Amino acid sequence: MVHAHTDEPLKRVETLFAGLTGYATPQIDVRAAVFDDKKRILMVRETADSNRWTLPGGWADVNVTPAENAVKEVLEESGYEVIVTKLAAAWDRTRQGHPIGMFSCCKMFFICQLVGGAPITSLETSEIGWFAEIDLPSDLSLARVLPQQVRRMYEHYKQPDLPTDFD
């Protein structure tokens, strides 16, 4: 079915599914919305997606909580140390309007407080930047984060009592 509805070569599709057993469950992608004392949001340019901007994050590792994964991803991709203060959203990737991926995905967005570290790029990132709400970059990695999701993180930052968003 995947081969019939995509441009993927049959061999690649077979390889993707060869090791899977059991019930198909969604993968978890974590994203961290880190704000500085000037109310700017931290973003990184990820080299895996044509150097487009995104919130720090990635696939959640096994045996690490989603919040711990978010903290780890921020440190690995930006050099900054953070603590998670809130789960802001748990959204289905496809229902949010992201490009359709090979597997189902739950995207978890966390509001984080900056506690230390210093900017440093990694193998995954080519640049680190802080952006005001009115000056967000136009070249976002839409597979990772959508403009309305970044705007929603600002709303959660400004109104910490907002309930967690989900669909």
N, C-alpha and C. Protein backbone atom coordinates (compact mmCIF):
# COMPACT_ATOMS: atom_id res chain seq x y z
N MET A 1 0.82 -1.19 0.00
CA MET A 1 0.00 0.00 0.00
C MET A 1 0.87 1.25 0.00
N VAL A 2 1.91 1.25 0.80
CA VAL A 2 2.79 2.42 0.85
C VAL A 2 3.43 2.64 -0.51
N HIS A 3 3.93 1.59 -1.10
CA HIS A 3 4.56 1.71 -2.42
C HIS A 3 3.56 2.22 -3.46
N ALA A 4 2.33 1.76 -3.39
CA ALA A 4 1.32 2.15 -4.38
C ALA A 4 0.91 3.62 -4.25
N HIS A 5 1.05 4.19 -3.05
CA HIS A 5 0.59 5.56 -2.82
C HIS A 5 1.71 6.57 -2.62
N THR A 6 2.95 6.17 -2.90
CA THR A 6 4.09 7.09 -2.78
C THR A 6 5.02 6.89 -3.97
N ASP A 7 6.03 7.73 -4.02
CA ASP A 7 7.06 7.60 -5.05
C ASP A 7 8.23 6.76 -4.57
N GLU A 8 8.12 6.19 -3.39
CA GLU A 8 9.21 5.41 -2.82
C GLU A 8 9.42 4.11 -3.59
N PRO A 9 10.68 3.78 -3.90
CA PRO A 9 10.95 2.50 -4.56
C PRO A 9 10.54 1.33 -3.65
N LEU A 10 10.10 0.25 -4.26
CA LEU A 10 9.63 -0.91 -3.51
C LEU A 10 10.69 -1.42 -2.54
N LYS A 11 11.95 -1.49 -2.95
CA LYS A 11 13.03 -1.99 -2.06
C LYS A 11 13.13 -1.13 -0.81
N ARG A 12 13.01 0.21 -0.95
CA ARG A 12 13.09 1.09 0.23
C ARG A 12 11.91 0.84 1.16
N VAL A 13 10.73 0.68 0.63
CA VAL A 13 9.55 0.41 1.44
C VAL A 13 9.71 -0.91 2.18
N GLU A 14 10.18 -1.92 1.49
CA GLU A 14 10.41 -3.22 2.14
C GLU A 14 11.41 -3.08 3.28
N THR A 15 12.47 -2.31 3.07
CA THR A 15 13.50 -2.11 4.10
C THR A 15 12.92 -1.38 5.32
N LEU A 16 12.08 -0.38 5.07
CA LEU A 16 11.48 0.37 6.18
C LEU A 16 10.64 -0.52 7.09
N PHE A 17 9.94 -1.46 6.51
CA PHE A 17 9.02 -2.29 7.28
C PHE A 17 9.60 -3.64 7.69
N ALA A 18 10.76 -4.00 7.21
CA ALA A 18 11.32 -5.34 7.44
C ALA A 18 11.48 -5.68 8.92
N GLY A 19 11.93 -4.75 9.73
CA GLY A 19 12.19 -5.05 11.13
C GLY A 19 11.03 -4.78 12.06
N LEU A 20 9.91 -4.33 11.54
CA LEU A 20 8.78 -3.99 12.41
C LEU A 20 7.94 -5.22 12.72
N THR A 21 7.63 -5.35 14.00
CA THR A 21 6.73 -6.41 14.43
C THR A 21 5.75 -5.81 15.43
N GLY A 22 4.66 -6.48 15.64
CA GLY A 22 3.70 -5.98 16.62
C GLY A 22 2.79 -4.93 16.05
N TYR A 23 2.08 -4.27 16.94
CA TYR A 23 1.09 -3.28 16.57
C TYR A 23 1.77 -1.98 16.16
N ALA A 24 1.30 -1.36 15.08
CA ALA A 24 1.87 -0.09 14.63
C ALA A 24 1.41 1.03 15.55
N THR A 25 2.35 1.69 16.20
CA THR A 25 2.04 2.80 17.09
C THR A 25 2.78 4.05 16.61
N PRO A 26 2.30 5.24 16.99
CA PRO A 26 2.96 6.46 16.53
C PRO A 26 4.34 6.64 17.14
N GLN A 27 5.21 7.28 16.37
CA GLN A 27 6.49 7.72 16.91
C GLN A 27 6.24 9.03 17.65
N ILE A 28 7.15 9.39 18.53
CA ILE A 28 7.01 10.64 19.28
C ILE A 28 8.15 11.57 18.90
N ASP A 29 7.76 12.78 18.50
CA ASP A 29 8.70 13.86 18.20
C ASP A 29 8.53 14.90 19.30
N VAL A 30 9.63 15.34 19.90
CA VAL A 30 9.57 16.36 20.94
C VAL A 30 10.15 17.67 20.41
N ARG A 31 9.56 18.77 20.81
CA ARG A 31 10.03 20.10 20.45
C ARG A 31 10.05 20.95 21.71
N ALA A 32 11.12 21.75 21.85
CA ALA A 32 11.30 22.58 23.04
C ALA A 32 11.16 24.06 22.66
N ALA A 33 10.25 24.74 23.34
CA ALA A 33 10.09 26.19 23.17
C ALA A 33 10.80 26.85 24.35
N VAL A 34 12.00 27.33 24.08
CA VAL A 34 12.85 27.95 25.12
C VAL A 34 12.80 29.46 24.91
N PHE A 35 12.54 30.19 25.98
CA PHE A 35 12.46 31.64 25.89
C PHE A 35 13.55 32.28 26.75
N ASP A 36 14.11 33.39 26.26
CA ASP A 36 15.12 34.11 27.04
C ASP A 36 14.47 35.28 27.78
N ASP A 37 15.28 36.06 28.51
CA ASP A 37 14.74 37.16 29.31
C ASP A 37 14.23 38.33 28.45
N LYS A 38 14.49 38.28 27.14
CA LYS A 38 13.97 39.31 26.22
C LYS A 38 12.72 38.82 25.49
N LYS A 39 12.15 37.71 25.97
CA LYS A 39 10.94 37.11 25.40
C LYS A 39 11.13 36.64 23.96
N ARG A 40 12.35 36.22 23.64
CA ARG A 40 12.64 35.65 22.32
C ARG A 40 12.67 34.13 22.44
N ILE A 41 12.35 33.47 21.33
CA ILE A 41 12.32 32.01 21.30
C ILE A 41 13.59 31.49 20.63
N LEU A 42 14.11 30.39 21.16
CA LEU A 42 15.31 29.74 20.62
C LEU A 42 14.94 28.88 19.41
N MET A 43 15.70 29.04 18.33
CA MET A 43 15.52 28.19 17.16
C MET A 43 16.89 27.78 16.65
N VAL A 44 16.91 26.64 15.96
CA VAL A 44 18.15 26.13 15.38
C VAL A 44 17.93 25.82 13.89
N ARG A 45 19.00 25.94 13.13
CA ARG A 45 18.95 25.52 11.72
C ARG A 45 19.40 24.07 11.68
N GLU A 46 18.51 23.18 11.27
CA GLU A 46 18.84 21.76 11.22
C GLU A 46 19.41 21.40 9.85
N THR A 47 20.59 20.83 9.85
CA THR A 47 21.28 20.49 8.60
C THR A 47 20.56 19.40 7.83
N ALA A 48 19.75 18.59 8.50
CA ALA A 48 19.06 17.48 7.82
C ALA A 48 17.91 17.96 6.93
N ASP A 49 17.54 19.23 7.04
CA ASP A 49 16.42 19.74 6.25
C ASP A 49 16.79 21.05 5.55
N SER A 50 17.81 20.99 4.73
CA SER A 50 18.22 22.15 3.93
C SER A 50 18.47 23.40 4.76
N ASN A 51 18.97 23.21 5.96
CA ASN A 51 19.29 24.33 6.85
C ASN A 51 18.10 25.24 7.13
N ARG A 52 16.99 24.64 7.41
CA ARG A 52 15.80 25.42 7.76
C ARG A 52 15.69 25.52 9.28
N TRP A 53 14.99 26.55 9.74
CA TRP A 53 14.84 26.81 11.17
C TRP A 53 13.74 25.95 11.79
N THR A 54 13.97 25.56 13.04
CA THR A 54 12.98 24.81 13.80
C THR A 54 13.23 25.02 15.29
N LEU A 55 12.27 24.62 16.10
CA LEU A 55 12.50 24.54 17.53
C LEU A 55 13.41 23.35 17.77
N PRO A 56 14.33 23.42 18.74
CA PRO A 56 15.16 22.25 19.02
C PRO A 56 14.29 21.04 19.35
N GLY A 57 14.71 19.88 18.88
CA GLY A 57 13.94 18.68 19.15
C GLY A 57 14.31 17.54 18.24
N GLY A 58 13.52 16.48 18.31
CA GLY A 58 13.78 15.31 17.49
C GLY A 58 12.98 14.13 17.98
N TRP A 59 13.31 12.97 17.43
CA TRP A 59 12.63 11.74 17.85
C TRP A 59 12.95 11.43 19.30
N ALA A 60 11.95 11.00 20.04
CA ALA A 60 12.14 10.62 21.44
C ALA A 60 12.85 9.28 21.50
N ASP A 61 13.87 9.22 22.34
CA ASP A 61 14.61 7.97 22.55
C ASP A 61 13.84 7.05 23.49
N VAL A 62 14.04 5.77 23.33
CA VAL A 62 13.42 4.76 24.18
C VAL A 62 14.00 4.86 25.59
N ASN A 63 13.18 4.62 26.58
CA ASN A 63 13.55 4.61 28.00
C ASN A 63 13.99 5.98 28.53
N VAL A 64 13.58 7.03 27.85
CA VAL A 64 13.79 8.40 28.31
C VAL A 64 12.44 9.09 28.17
N THR A 65 12.01 9.82 29.20
CA THR A 65 10.69 10.45 29.12
C THR A 65 10.69 11.51 28.02
N PRO A 66 9.52 11.87 27.50
CA PRO A 66 9.47 12.94 26.50
C PRO A 66 10.10 14.24 27.01
N ALA A 67 9.85 14.62 28.25
CA ALA A 67 10.44 15.84 28.80
C ALA A 67 11.97 15.73 28.87
N GLU A 68 12.48 14.59 29.30
CA GLU A 68 13.94 14.39 29.33
C GLU A 68 14.52 14.45 27.93
N ASN A 69 13.79 13.91 26.95
CA ASN A 69 14.24 13.99 25.57
C ASN A 69 14.33 15.44 25.10
N ALA A 70 13.35 16.26 25.45
CA ALA A 70 13.36 17.66 25.05
C ALA A 70 14.59 18.38 25.62
N VAL A 71 14.87 18.15 26.89
CA VAL A 71 16.05 18.75 27.53
C VAL A 71 17.33 18.30 26.83
N LYS A 72 17.42 17.01 26.53
CA LYS A 72 18.60 16.44 25.85
C LYS A 72 18.77 17.05 24.47
N GLU A 73 17.69 17.17 23.72
CA GLU A 73 17.76 17.72 22.37
C GLU A 73 18.21 19.18 22.36
N VAL A 74 17.73 19.97 23.31
CA VAL A 74 18.15 21.38 23.38
C VAL A 74 19.65 21.45 23.61
N LEU A 75 20.16 20.67 24.55
CA LEU A 75 21.59 20.68 24.83
C LEU A 75 22.39 20.22 23.62
N GLU A 76 21.98 19.12 23.00
CA GLU A 76 22.71 18.58 21.85
C GLU A 76 22.70 19.53 20.66
N GLU A 77 21.58 20.19 20.41
CA GLU A 77 21.45 20.99 19.20
C GLU A 77 21.84 22.45 19.37
N SER A 78 21.87 22.95 20.61
CA SER A 78 22.14 24.38 20.80
C SER A 78 23.22 24.70 21.83
N GLY A 79 23.53 23.76 22.73
CA GLY A 79 24.49 24.04 23.80
C GLY A 79 23.85 24.62 25.05
N TYR A 80 22.56 24.90 25.01
CA TYR A 80 21.89 25.49 26.17
C TYR A 80 21.32 24.42 27.09
N GLU A 81 21.31 24.74 28.39
CA GLU A 81 20.73 23.88 29.41
C GLU A 81 19.37 24.45 29.79
N VAL A 82 18.37 23.59 29.86
CA VAL A 82 17.01 24.03 30.17
C VAL A 82 16.34 23.07 31.14
N ILE A 83 15.25 23.54 31.73
CA ILE A 83 14.35 22.67 32.47
C ILE A 83 12.97 22.83 31.84
N VAL A 84 12.22 21.76 31.81
CA VAL A 84 10.87 21.80 31.28
C VAL A 84 9.93 22.33 32.36
N THR A 85 9.09 23.28 31.98
CA THR A 85 8.13 23.83 32.93
C THR A 85 6.69 23.46 32.60
N LYS A 86 6.46 23.00 31.34
CA LYS A 86 5.08 22.72 30.96
C LYS A 86 5.03 21.92 29.67
N LEU A 87 4.10 20.96 29.62
CA LEU A 87 3.74 20.33 28.36
C LEU A 87 2.67 21.23 27.75
N ALA A 88 3.01 21.92 26.65
CA ALA A 88 2.09 22.87 26.04
C ALA A 88 1.15 22.21 25.04
N ALA A 89 1.65 21.18 24.32
CA ALA A 89 0.80 20.58 23.30
C ALA A 89 1.24 19.15 23.01
N ALA A 90 0.25 18.33 22.65
CA ALA A 90 0.47 16.98 22.13
C ALA A 90 -0.43 16.87 20.90
N TRP A 91 0.19 17.01 19.73
CA TRP A 91 -0.56 17.09 18.49
C TRP A 91 -0.20 15.96 17.54
N ASP A 92 -1.16 15.53 16.75
CA ASP A 92 -0.94 14.58 15.69
C ASP A 92 -0.31 15.33 14.51
N ARG A 93 0.81 14.83 14.01
CA ARG A 93 1.55 15.51 12.94
C ARG A 93 0.67 15.76 11.71
N THR A 94 -0.02 14.76 11.24
CA THR A 94 -0.81 14.89 10.02
C THR A 94 -1.98 15.84 10.21
N ARG A 95 -2.68 15.72 11.32
CA ARG A 95 -3.83 16.59 11.57
C ARG A 95 -3.44 18.05 11.73
N GLN A 96 -2.20 18.30 12.11
CA GLN A 96 -1.73 19.68 12.24
C GLN A 96 -1.37 20.30 10.89
N GLY A 97 -1.21 19.48 9.86
CA GLY A 97 -0.91 20.01 8.54
C GLY A 97 0.54 19.88 8.12
N HIS A 98 1.32 19.11 8.86
CA HIS A 98 2.70 18.85 8.46
C HIS A 98 2.69 17.96 7.22
N PRO A 99 3.78 17.97 6.44
CA PRO A 99 3.86 17.02 5.33
C PRO A 99 3.66 15.60 5.85
N ILE A 100 2.96 14.79 5.10
CA ILE A 100 2.68 13.43 5.53
C ILE A 100 3.96 12.62 5.56
N GLY A 101 4.21 11.96 6.68
CA GLY A 101 5.39 11.13 6.84
C GLY A 101 5.07 9.67 6.62
N MET A 102 6.08 8.85 6.67
CA MET A 102 5.92 7.42 6.45
C MET A 102 5.15 6.76 7.60
N PHE A 103 5.36 7.26 8.83
CA PHE A 103 4.73 6.67 10.00
C PHE A 103 3.92 7.72 10.75
N SER A 104 2.97 7.28 11.54
CA SER A 104 2.19 8.17 12.38
C SER A 104 3.10 8.80 13.43
N CYS A 105 2.80 10.04 13.81
CA CYS A 105 3.67 10.75 14.74
C CYS A 105 2.86 11.64 15.67
N CYS A 106 3.18 11.57 16.96
CA CYS A 106 2.66 12.49 17.95
C CYS A 106 3.76 13.50 18.25
N LYS A 107 3.43 14.79 18.10
CA LYS A 107 4.40 15.86 18.35
C LYS A 107 4.10 16.47 19.72
N MET A 108 5.09 16.45 20.60
CA MET A 108 4.93 16.99 21.94
C MET A 108 5.79 18.25 22.07
N PHE A 109 5.14 19.36 22.44
CA PHE A 109 5.80 20.65 22.57
C PHE A 109 5.89 21.03 24.04
N PHE A 110 7.09 21.37 24.49
CA PHE A 110 7.33 21.71 25.89
C PHE A 110 7.80 23.15 26.00
N ILE A 111 7.29 23.86 27.00
CA ILE A 111 7.81 25.18 27.35
C ILE A 111 8.98 24.93 28.29
N CYS A 112 10.11 25.58 28.00
CA CYS A 112 11.32 25.35 28.78
C CYS A 112 11.91 26.65 29.29
N GLN A 113 12.54 26.56 30.45
CA GLN A 113 13.23 27.69 31.06
C GLN A 113 14.73 27.52 30.84
N LEU A 114 15.37 28.57 30.36
CA LEU A 114 16.81 28.58 30.16
C LEU A 114 17.50 28.67 31.52
N VAL A 115 18.45 27.74 31.78
CA VAL A 115 19.15 27.76 33.07
C VAL A 115 20.67 27.81 32.93
N GLY A 116 21.19 27.70 31.72
CA GLY A 116 22.64 27.76 31.57
C GLY A 116 23.09 27.38 30.17
N GLY A 117 24.39 27.15 30.07
CA GLY A 117 24.97 26.75 28.80
C GLY A 117 25.35 27.94 27.95
N ALA A 118 25.83 27.64 26.76
CA ALA A 118 26.25 28.66 25.81
C ALA A 118 26.01 28.14 24.41
N PRO A 119 25.75 29.04 23.45
CA PRO A 119 25.44 28.58 22.10
C PRO A 119 26.59 27.82 21.44
N ILE A 120 26.27 26.64 20.93
CA ILE A 120 27.25 25.85 20.18
C ILE A 120 26.49 24.96 19.20
N THR A 121 26.91 24.98 17.96
CA THR A 121 26.26 24.14 16.96
C THR A 121 26.75 22.70 17.11
N SER A 122 26.07 21.81 16.39
CA SER A 122 26.41 20.39 16.47
C SER A 122 26.42 19.79 15.07
N LEU A 123 26.54 18.48 15.00
CA LEU A 123 26.45 17.80 13.70
C LEU A 123 25.07 17.99 13.08
N GLU A 124 24.07 18.24 13.89
CA GLU A 124 22.70 18.39 13.41
C GLU A 124 22.30 19.83 13.11
N THR A 125 23.07 20.80 13.61
CA THR A 125 22.69 22.20 13.47
C THR A 125 23.83 23.04 12.90
N SER A 126 23.45 24.04 12.09
CA SER A 126 24.45 24.93 11.50
C SER A 126 24.40 26.34 12.07
N GLU A 127 23.33 26.65 12.79
CA GLU A 127 23.18 27.99 13.35
C GLU A 127 22.18 27.95 14.50
N ILE A 128 22.34 28.89 15.43
CA ILE A 128 21.46 29.02 16.58
C ILE A 128 21.01 30.47 16.63
N GLY A 129 19.73 30.71 16.88
CA GLY A 129 19.25 32.08 16.93
C GLY A 129 18.10 32.25 17.91
N TRP A 130 17.95 33.48 18.35
CA TRP A 130 16.85 33.88 19.23
C TRP A 130 15.97 34.84 18.44
N PHE A 131 14.66 34.61 18.45
CA PHE A 131 13.76 35.38 17.61
C PHE A 131 12.60 35.96 18.40
N ALA A 132 12.34 37.25 18.16
CA ALA A 132 11.16 37.90 18.72
C ALA A 132 9.93 37.39 17.98
N GLU A 133 8.79 37.49 18.63
CA GLU A 133 7.56 36.97 18.05
C GLU A 133 7.25 37.61 16.68
N ILE A 134 7.58 38.86 16.50
CA ILE A 134 7.29 39.54 15.24
C ILE A 134 8.39 39.34 14.19
N ASP A 135 9.48 38.69 14.56
CA ASP A 135 10.61 38.50 13.64
C ASP A 135 10.97 37.03 13.43
N LEU A 136 9.98 36.16 13.39
CA LEU A 136 10.27 34.74 13.20
C LEU A 136 10.80 34.50 11.79
N PRO A 137 11.72 33.56 11.63
CA PRO A 137 12.25 33.29 10.30
C PRO A 137 11.17 32.73 9.37
N SER A 138 11.29 33.07 8.10
CA SER A 138 10.29 32.60 7.12
C SER A 138 10.62 31.22 6.58
N ASP A 139 11.87 30.82 6.70
CA ASP A 139 12.28 29.51 6.16
C ASP A 139 12.27 28.44 7.25
N LEU A 140 11.05 28.12 7.72
CA LEU A 140 10.89 27.09 8.75
C LEU A 140 10.93 25.70 8.12
N SER A 141 11.38 24.75 8.89
CA SER A 141 11.31 23.34 8.52
C SER A 141 9.89 22.87 8.81
N LEU A 142 9.04 22.90 7.80
CA LEU A 142 7.62 22.59 8.00
C LEU A 142 7.38 21.13 8.36
N ALA A 143 8.35 20.26 8.14
CA ALA A 143 8.23 18.88 8.59
C ALA A 143 8.37 18.81 10.11
N ARG A 144 8.99 19.82 10.70
CA ARG A 144 9.26 19.81 12.13
C ARG A 144 8.37 20.76 12.93
N VAL A 145 8.13 21.96 12.40
CA VAL A 145 7.34 22.95 13.14
C VAL A 145 6.63 23.86 12.14
N LEU A 146 5.41 24.22 12.50
CA LEU A 146 4.60 25.12 11.66
C LEU A 146 4.53 26.50 12.31
N PRO A 147 4.36 27.55 11.49
CA PRO A 147 4.30 28.91 12.07
C PRO A 147 3.25 29.06 13.16
N GLN A 148 2.07 28.48 12.97
CA GLN A 148 1.03 28.61 13.99
C GLN A 148 1.40 27.88 15.28
N GLN A 149 2.22 26.84 15.19
CA GLN A 149 2.67 26.14 16.39
C GLN A 149 3.64 27.01 17.18
N VAL A 150 4.53 27.71 16.49
CA VAL A 150 5.47 28.61 17.17
C VAL A 150 4.68 29.75 17.83
N ARG A 151 3.71 30.31 17.12
CA ARG A 151 2.88 31.36 17.71
C ARG A 151 2.14 30.86 18.95
N ARG A 152 1.67 29.61 18.89
CA ARG A 152 0.96 29.04 20.04
C ARG A 152 1.90 28.88 21.23
N MET A 153 3.17 28.57 20.98
CA MET A 153 4.13 28.45 22.08
C MET A 153 4.33 29.80 22.76
N TYR A 154 4.30 30.88 21.99
CA TYR A 154 4.36 32.21 22.59
C TYR A 154 3.16 32.45 23.49
N GLU A 155 1.98 32.02 23.06
CA GLU A 155 0.78 32.18 23.89
C GLU A 155 0.92 31.41 25.19
N HIS A 156 1.43 30.18 25.13
CA HIS A 156 1.63 29.40 26.35
C HIS A 156 2.68 30.04 27.25
N TYR A 157 3.72 30.61 26.65
CA TYR A 157 4.76 31.28 27.44
C TYR A 157 4.18 32.49 28.18
N LYS A 158 3.36 33.28 27.47
CA LYS A 158 2.79 34.50 28.06
C LYS A 158 1.65 34.19 29.04
N GLN A 159 0.98 33.04 28.84
CA GLN A 159 -0.14 32.66 29.70
C GLN A 159 0.10 31.25 30.23
N PRO A 160 0.94 31.11 31.23
CA PRO A 160 1.32 29.77 31.72
C PRO A 160 0.16 28.90 32.18
N ASP A 161 -0.99 29.50 32.48
CA ASP A 161 -2.13 28.71 32.96
C ASP A 161 -2.97 28.13 31.84
N LEU A 162 -2.62 28.40 30.57
CA LEU A 162 -3.37 27.79 29.47
C LEU A 162 -3.30 26.28 29.60
N PRO A 163 -4.40 25.58 29.34
CA PRO A 163 -4.35 24.12 29.38
C PRO A 163 -3.53 23.58 28.21
N THR A 164 -3.05 22.36 28.35
CA THR A 164 -2.31 21.69 27.29
C THR A 164 -3.21 21.51 26.08
N ASP A 165 -2.69 21.83 24.90
CA ASP A 165 -3.42 21.64 23.65
C ASP A 165 -3.27 20.20 23.19
N PHE A 166 -4.31 19.63 22.62
CA PHE A 166 -4.21 18.29 22.04
C PHE A 166 -5.30 18.13 21.00
N ASP A 167 -5.10 17.16 20.12
CA ASP A 167 -6.14 16.85 19.15
C ASP A 167 -6.36 15.35 19.12
